Amino acid sequence: MVDEWSRRRAMKRAIVAVLGMIWACTVSLPGAQAHAIILESSPQHEASLTTPKRLVLRFNSRLEKPLCSVQLIGPHQKTIVLFRQAADAPPDTLAYPLPALEPGDYQARWKVMAADGHVTEGTVVFTVVPSPAAK
Protein backbone atom coordinates (compact mmCIF):
# COMPACT_ATOMS: atom_id res chain seq x y z
CA MET A 1 0.00 0.00 0.00
CA VAL A 2 2.77 2.44 0.87
CA ASP A 3 4.58 1.55 -2.32
CA GLU A 4 1.47 2.33 -4.43
CA TRP A 5 0.97 5.63 -2.59
CA SER A 6 4.62 6.63 -3.23
CA ARG A 7 4.31 5.87 -6.94
CA ARG A 8 1.11 7.96 -7.27
CA ARG A 9 2.73 10.85 -5.41
CA ALA A 10 5.81 10.67 -7.64
CA MET A 11 3.57 10.56 -10.74
CA LYS A 12 1.66 13.67 -9.60
CA ARG A 13 4.93 15.52 -9.01
CA ALA A 14 6.17 14.55 -12.46
CA ILE A 15 2.93 15.76 -14.08
CA VAL A 16 3.09 19.07 -12.20
CA ALA A 17 6.74 19.50 -13.21
CA VAL A 18 5.99 18.84 -16.89
CA LEU A 19 3.00 21.21 -16.85
CA GLY A 20 5.17 23.84 -15.17
CA MET A 21 7.82 23.51 -17.89
CA ILE A 22 5.20 23.80 -20.62
CA TRP A 23 3.75 26.91 -18.96
CA ALA A 24 7.23 28.46 -18.58
CA CYS A 25 7.93 27.96 -22.29
CA THR A 26 4.70 29.66 -23.34
CA VAL A 27 4.97 32.73 -21.11
CA SER A 28 7.22 35.47 -22.42
CA LEU A 29 9.48 37.33 -20.06
CA PRO A 30 9.33 41.15 -19.93
CA GLY A 31 12.99 41.49 -20.99
CA ALA A 32 12.48 39.28 -24.03
CA GLN A 33 10.22 41.85 -25.65
CA ALA A 34 12.71 44.72 -25.44
CA HIS A 35 13.55 44.99 -29.15
CA ALA A 36 13.93 48.59 -30.25
CA ILE A 37 10.75 49.60 -32.05
CA ILE A 38 10.56 52.95 -33.78
CA LEU A 39 7.92 55.18 -32.20
CA GLU A 40 8.27 58.33 -34.28
CA SER A 41 10.45 59.98 -36.87
CA SER A 42 11.08 63.40 -38.28
CA PRO A 43 10.50 63.58 -41.19
CA GLN A 44 7.49 61.36 -40.59
CA HIS A 45 7.15 58.11 -42.53
CA GLU A 46 5.68 58.77 -46.01
CA ALA A 47 5.69 62.57 -45.50
CA SER A 48 6.30 65.13 -48.25
CA LEU A 49 8.19 68.22 -47.15
CA THR A 50 10.66 70.86 -48.25
CA THR A 51 14.29 70.54 -47.20
CA PRO A 52 14.44 68.84 -43.80
CA LYS A 53 17.37 70.03 -41.69
CA ARG A 54 17.54 67.04 -39.36
CA LEU A 55 16.65 63.34 -39.27
CA VAL A 56 15.31 62.15 -35.89
CA LEU A 57 14.36 58.56 -35.04
CA ARG A 58 12.89 57.84 -31.58
CA PHE A 59 12.59 54.28 -30.26
CA ASN A 60 10.86 52.55 -27.35
CA SER A 61 14.11 51.65 -25.56
CA ARG A 62 17.60 52.92 -24.85
CA LEU A 63 20.03 52.35 -27.72
CA GLU A 64 23.68 51.35 -27.90
CA LYS A 65 24.38 54.39 -30.08
CA PRO A 66 27.94 53.50 -31.14
CA LEU A 67 26.51 50.29 -32.68
CA CYS A 68 23.64 51.99 -34.54
CA SER A 69 23.74 53.13 -38.16
CA VAL A 70 21.57 55.07 -40.57
CA GLN A 71 21.98 55.34 -44.33
CA LEU A 72 20.03 57.83 -46.37
CA ILE A 73 19.23 56.61 -49.88
CA GLY A 74 18.15 59.40 -52.20
CA PRO A 75 17.16 59.92 -55.82
CA HIS A 76 19.03 57.72 -58.30
CA GLN A 77 19.96 55.39 -55.36
CA LYS A 78 22.57 57.90 -54.15
CA THR A 79 23.69 56.85 -50.65
CA ILE A 80 24.40 59.41 -47.95
CA VAL A 81 25.95 57.82 -44.84
CA LEU A 82 25.05 59.73 -41.71
CA PHE A 83 27.97 59.71 -39.29
CA ARG A 84 27.57 62.59 -36.85
CA GLN A 85 24.90 61.81 -34.30
CA ALA A 86 23.64 64.83 -32.41
CA ALA A 87 25.18 64.74 -28.93
CA ASP A 88 22.08 66.25 -27.29
CA ALA A 89 19.74 63.41 -28.34
CA PRO A 90 18.17 61.33 -25.52
CA PRO A 91 19.31 57.69 -25.05
CA ASP A 92 16.33 56.37 -27.05
CA THR A 93 16.81 58.73 -30.01
CA LEU A 94 19.10 59.01 -33.01
CA ALA A 95 19.39 62.48 -34.50
CA TYR A 96 21.51 63.57 -37.45
CA PRO A 97 21.97 66.91 -39.17
CA LEU A 98 21.13 66.60 -42.86
CA PRO A 99 22.90 68.19 -45.79
CA ALA A 100 20.83 70.12 -48.31
CA LEU A 101 18.70 67.49 -50.02
CA GLU A 102 17.60 67.74 -53.63
CA PRO A 103 13.93 67.07 -54.40
CA GLY A 104 13.04 63.41 -54.71
CA ASP A 105 12.25 60.24 -52.78
CA TYR A 106 14.40 59.23 -49.79
CA GLN A 107 14.74 56.18 -47.59
CA ALA A 108 16.33 56.40 -44.15
CA ARG A 109 17.48 52.82 -43.54
CA TRP A 110 18.24 52.30 -39.86
CA LYS A 111 19.78 49.43 -37.95
CA VAL A 112 19.93 49.74 -34.18
CA MET A 113 20.96 47.73 -31.17
CA ALA A 114 18.81 48.10 -28.08
CA ALA A 115 20.44 48.14 -24.66
CA ASP A 116 19.37 44.50 -24.21
CA GLY A 117 21.49 43.45 -27.21
CA HIS A 118 18.71 42.85 -29.74
CA VAL A 119 19.23 44.28 -33.24
CA THR A 120 16.32 45.62 -35.26
CA GLU A 121 16.17 47.43 -38.57
CA GLY A 122 13.71 49.28 -40.71
CA THR A 123 13.12 52.10 -43.15
CA VAL A 124 11.48 55.50 -42.99
CA VAL A 125 10.54 56.86 -46.42
CA PHE A 126 9.83 60.49 -47.23
CA THR A 127 9.80 62.83 -50.20
CA VAL A 128 11.54 66.16 -50.50
CA VAL A 129 9.52 68.52 -52.67
CA PRO A 130 10.79 71.78 -54.22
CA SER A 131 10.22 74.84 -52.04
CA PRO A 132 7.58 77.24 -53.39
CA ALA A 133 10.29 79.88 -53.99
CA ALA A 134 12.27 77.45 -56.17
CA LYS A 135 9.39 76.89 -58.62
C-alpha atoms as a PDB file:
ATOM      1  CA  MET A   1       0.000   0.000   0.000  1.00  0.00           C
ATOM      2  CA  VAL A   2       2.773   2.437   0.875  1.00  0.00           C
ATOM      3  CA  ASP A   3       4.578   1.546  -2.321  1.00  0.00           C
ATOM      4  CA  GLU A   4       1.467   2.330  -4.428  1.00  0.00           C
ATOM      5  CA  TRP A   5       0.969   5.627  -2.590  1.00  0.00           C
ATOM      6  CA  SER A   6       4.618   6.634  -3.232  1.00  0.00           C
ATOM      7  CA  ARG A   7       4.306   5.875  -6.936  1.00  0.00           C
ATOM      8  CA  ARG A   8       1.114   7.964  -7.271  1.00  0.00           C
ATOM      9  CA  ARG A   9       2.726  10.848  -5.410  1.00  0.00           C
ATOM     10  CA  ALA A  10       5.814  10.672  -7.642  1.00  0.00           C
ATOM     11  CA  MET A  11       3.572  10.562 -10.742  1.00  0.00           C
ATOM     12  CA  LYS A  12       1.657  13.668  -9.602  1.00  0.00           C
ATOM     13  CA  ARG A  13       4.933  15.517  -9.008  1.00  0.00           C
ATOM     14  CA  ALA A  14       6.167  14.552 -12.459  1.00  0.00           C
ATOM     15  CA  ILE A  15       2.935  15.761 -14.080  1.00  0.00           C
ATOM     16  CA  VAL A  16       3.090  19.068 -12.195  1.00  0.00           C
ATOM     17  CA  ALA A  17       6.744  19.501 -13.207  1.00  0.00           C
ATOM     18  CA  VAL A  18       5.989  18.836 -16.890  1.00  0.00           C
ATOM     19  CA  LEU A  19       3.005  21.212 -16.855  1.00  0.00           C
ATOM     20  CA  GLY A  20       5.174  23.837 -15.172  1.00  0.00           C
ATOM     21  CA  MET A  21       7.819  23.512 -17.893  1.00  0.00           C
ATOM     22  CA  ILE A  22       5.196  23.803 -20.621  1.00  0.00           C
ATOM     23  CA  TRP A  23       3.749  26.914 -18.962  1.00  0.00           C
ATOM     24  CA  ALA A  24       7.228  28.464 -18.579  1.00  0.00           C
ATOM     25  CA  CYS A  25       7.928  27.958 -22.288  1.00  0.00           C
ATOM     26  CA  THR A  26       4.703  29.660 -23.341  1.00  0.00           C
ATOM     27  CA  VAL A  27       4.966  32.734 -21.109  1.00  0.00           C
ATOM     28  CA  SER A  28       7.223  35.471 -22.421  1.00  0.00           C
ATOM     29  CA  LEU A  29       9.480  37.330 -20.059  1.00  0.00           C
ATOM     30  CA  PRO A  30       9.330  41.154 -19.933  1.00  0.00           C
ATOM     31  CA  GLY A  31      12.987  41.489 -20.991  1.00  0.00           C
ATOM     32  CA  ALA A  32      12.477  39.279 -24.025  1.00  0.00           C
ATOM     33  CA  GLN A  33      10.221  41.848 -25.647  1.00  0.00           C
ATOM     34  CA  ALA A  34      12.709  44.719 -25.445  1.00  0.00           C
ATOM     35  CA  HIS A  35      13.547  44.991 -29.147  1.00  0.00           C
ATOM     36  CA  ALA A  36      13.934  48.588 -30.252  1.00  0.00           C
ATOM     37  CA  ILE A  37      10.754  49.596 -32.052  1.00  0.00           C
ATOM     38  CA  ILE A  38      10.560  52.950 -33.780  1.00  0.00           C
ATOM     39  CA  LEU A  39       7.922  55.180 -32.195  1.00  0.00           C
ATOM     40  CA  GLU A  40       8.273  58.325 -34.282  1.00  0.00           C
ATOM     41  CA  SER A  41      10.449  59.976 -36.865  1.00  0.00           C
ATOM     42  CA  SER A  42      11.076  63.398 -38.282  1.00  0.00           C
ATOM     43  CA  PRO A  43      10.500  63.578 -41.186  1.00  0.00           C
ATOM     44  CA  GLN A  44       7.489  61.364 -40.594  1.00  0.00           C
ATOM     45  CA  HIS A  45       7.149  58.113 -42.534  1.00  0.00           C
ATOM     46  CA  GLU A  46       5.676  58.770 -46.006  1.00  0.00           C
ATOM     47  CA  ALA A  47       5.690  62.571 -45.498  1.00  0.00           C
ATOM     48  CA  SER A  48       6.296  65.134 -48.246  1.00  0.00           C
ATOM     49  CA  LEU A  49       8.193  68.223 -47.154  1.00  0.00           C
ATOM     50  CA  THR A  50      10.658  70.862 -48.248  1.00  0.00           C
ATOM     51  CA  THR A  51      14.292  70.544 -47.203  1.00  0.00           C
ATOM     52  CA  PRO A  52      14.441  68.844 -43.801  1.00  0.00           C
ATOM     53  CA  LYS A  53      17.370  70.028 -41.695  1.00  0.00           C
ATOM     54  CA  ARG A  54      17.543  67.037 -39.364  1.00  0.00           C
ATOM     55  CA  LEU A  55      16.645  63.340 -39.267  1.00  0.00           C
ATOM     56  CA  VAL A  56      15.313  62.155 -35.890  1.00  0.00           C
ATOM     57  CA  LEU A  57      14.364  58.560 -35.043  1.00  0.00           C
ATOM     58  CA  ARG A  58      12.894  57.845 -31.583  1.00  0.00           C
ATOM     59  CA  PHE A  59      12.594  54.279 -30.262  1.00  0.00           C
ATOM     60  CA  ASN A  60      10.862  52.551 -27.349  1.00  0.00           C
ATOM     61  CA  SER A  61      14.107  51.652 -25.565  1.00  0.00           C
ATOM     62  CA  ARG A  62      17.597  52.915 -24.851  1.00  0.00           C
ATOM     63  CA  LEU A  63      20.032  52.348 -27.722  1.00  0.00           C
ATOM     64  CA  GLU A  64      23.677  51.347 -27.903  1.00  0.00           C
ATOM     65  CA  LYS A  65      24.377  54.387 -30.084  1.00  0.00           C
ATOM     66  CA  PRO A  66      27.943  53.500 -31.144  1.00  0.00           C
ATOM     67  CA  LEU A  67      26.506  50.290 -32.681  1.00  0.00           C
ATOM     68  CA  CYS A  68      23.641  51.994 -34.539  1.00  0.00           C
ATOM     69  CA  SER A  69      23.741  53.130 -38.161  1.00  0.00           C
ATOM     70  CA  VAL A  70      21.571  55.073 -40.574  1.00  0.00           C
ATOM     71  CA  GLN A  71      21.976  55.343 -44.331  1.00  0.00           C
ATOM     72  CA  LEU A  72      20.025  57.831 -46.373  1.00  0.00           C
ATOM     73  CA  ILE A  73      19.229  56.607 -49.882  1.00  0.00           C
ATOM     74  CA  GLY A  74      18.152  59.401 -52.202  1.00  0.00           C
ATOM     75  CA  PRO A  75      17.157  59.924 -55.816  1.00  0.00           C
ATOM     76  CA  HIS A  76      19.032  57.716 -58.304  1.00  0.00           C
ATOM     77  CA  GLN A  77      19.960  55.390 -55.362  1.00  0.00           C
ATOM     78  CA  LYS A  78      22.569  57.900 -54.153  1.00  0.00           C
ATOM     79  CA  THR A  79      23.693  56.853 -50.652  1.00  0.00           C
ATOM     80  CA  ILE A  80      24.404  59.410 -47.952  1.00  0.00           C
ATOM     81  CA  VAL A  81      25.947  57.824 -44.842  1.00  0.00           C
ATOM     82  CA  LEU A  82      25.049  59.733 -41.712  1.00  0.00           C
ATOM     83  CA  PHE A  83      27.973  59.710 -39.292  1.00  0.00           C
ATOM     84  CA  ARG A  84      27.571  62.587 -36.848  1.00  0.00           C
ATOM     85  CA  GLN A  85      24.899  61.807 -34.304  1.00  0.00           C
ATOM     86  CA  ALA A  86      23.643  64.834 -32.409  1.00  0.00           C
ATOM     87  CA  ALA A  87      25.185  64.736 -28.928  1.00  0.00           C
ATOM     88  CA  ASP A  88      22.081  66.251 -27.295  1.00  0.00           C
ATOM     89  CA  ALA A  89      19.735  63.412 -28.338  1.00  0.00           C
ATOM     90  CA  PRO A  90      18.168  61.330 -25.522  1.00  0.00           C
ATOM     91  CA  PRO A  91      19.313  57.687 -25.050  1.00  0.00           C
ATOM     92  CA  ASP A  92      16.329  56.369 -27.054  1.00  0.00           C
ATOM     93  CA  THR A  93      16.814  58.729 -30.012  1.00  0.00           C
ATOM     94  CA  LEU A  94      19.100  59.005 -33.015  1.00  0.00           C
ATOM     95  CA  ALA A  95      19.387  62.478 -34.504  1.00  0.00           C
ATOM     96  CA  TYR A  96      21.506  63.569 -37.450  1.00  0.00           C
ATOM     97  CA  PRO A  97      21.967  66.915 -39.169  1.00  0.00           C
ATOM     98  CA  LEU A  98      21.127  66.597 -42.859  1.00  0.00           C
ATOM     99  CA  PRO A  99      22.902  68.187 -45.789  1.00  0.00           C
ATOM    100  CA  ALA A 100      20.831  70.124 -48.315  1.00  0.00           C
ATOM    101  CA  LEU A 101      18.704  67.485 -50.023  1.00  0.00           C
ATOM    102  CA  GLU A 102      17.596  67.740 -53.634  1.00  0.00           C
ATOM    103  CA  PRO A 103      13.927  67.071 -54.396  1.00  0.00           C
ATOM    104  CA  GLY A 104      13.044  63.405 -54.707  1.00  0.00           C
ATOM    105  CA  ASP A 105      12.248  60.240 -52.775  1.00  0.00           C
ATOM    106  CA  TYR A 106      14.403  59.230 -49.788  1.00  0.00           C
ATOM    107  CA  GLN A 107      14.741  56.175 -47.587  1.00  0.00           C
ATOM    108  CA  ALA A 108      16.327  56.396 -44.148  1.00  0.00           C
ATOM    109  CA  ARG A 109      17.485  52.816 -43.537  1.00  0.00           C
ATOM    110  CA  TRP A 110      18.237  52.295 -39.864  1.00  0.00           C
ATOM    111  CA  LYS A 111      19.778  49.433 -37.952  1.00  0.00           C
ATOM    112  CA  VAL A 112      19.926  49.741 -34.183  1.00  0.00           C
ATOM    113  CA  MET A 113      20.963  47.733 -31.167  1.00  0.00           C
ATOM    114  CA  ALA A 114      18.814  48.096 -28.077  1.00  0.00           C
ATOM    115  CA  ALA A 115      20.444  48.143 -24.663  1.00  0.00           C
ATOM    116  CA  ASP A 116      19.372  44.497 -24.211  1.00  0.00           C
ATOM    117  CA  GLY A 117      21.494  43.451 -27.208  1.00  0.00           C
ATOM    118  CA  HIS A 118      18.713  42.852 -29.742  1.00  0.00           C
ATOM    119  CA  VAL A 119      19.234  44.276 -33.238  1.00  0.00           C
ATOM    120  CA  THR A 120      16.315  45.623 -35.265  1.00  0.00           C
ATOM    121  CA  GLU A 121      16.174  47.434 -38.570  1.00  0.00           C
ATOM    122  CA  GLY A 122      13.714  49.278 -40.714  1.00  0.00           C
ATOM    123  CA  THR A 123      13.121  52.100 -43.152  1.00  0.00           C
ATOM    124  CA  VAL A 124      11.484  55.499 -42.993  1.00  0.00           C
ATOM    125  CA  VAL A 125      10.535  56.857 -46.421  1.00  0.00           C
ATOM    126  CA  PHE A 126       9.830  60.491 -47.226  1.00  0.00           C
ATOM    127  CA  THR A 127       9.800  62.829 -50.205  1.00  0.00           C
ATOM    128  CA  VAL A 128      11.542  66.160 -50.501  1.00  0.00           C
ATOM    129  CA  VAL A 129       9.520  68.523 -52.674  1.00  0.00           C
ATOM    130  CA  PRO A 130      10.787  71.775 -54.215  1.00  0.00           C
ATOM    131  CA  SER A 131      10.218  74.836 -52.040  1.00  0.00           C
ATOM    132  CA  PRO A 132       7.577  77.245 -53.389  1.00  0.00           C
ATOM    133  CA  ALA A 133      10.292  79.885 -53.986  1.00  0.00           C
ATOM    134  CA  ALA A 134      12.266  77.448 -56.170  1.00  0.00           C
ATOM    135  CA  LYS A 135       9.387  76.893 -58.617  1.00  0.00           C
END
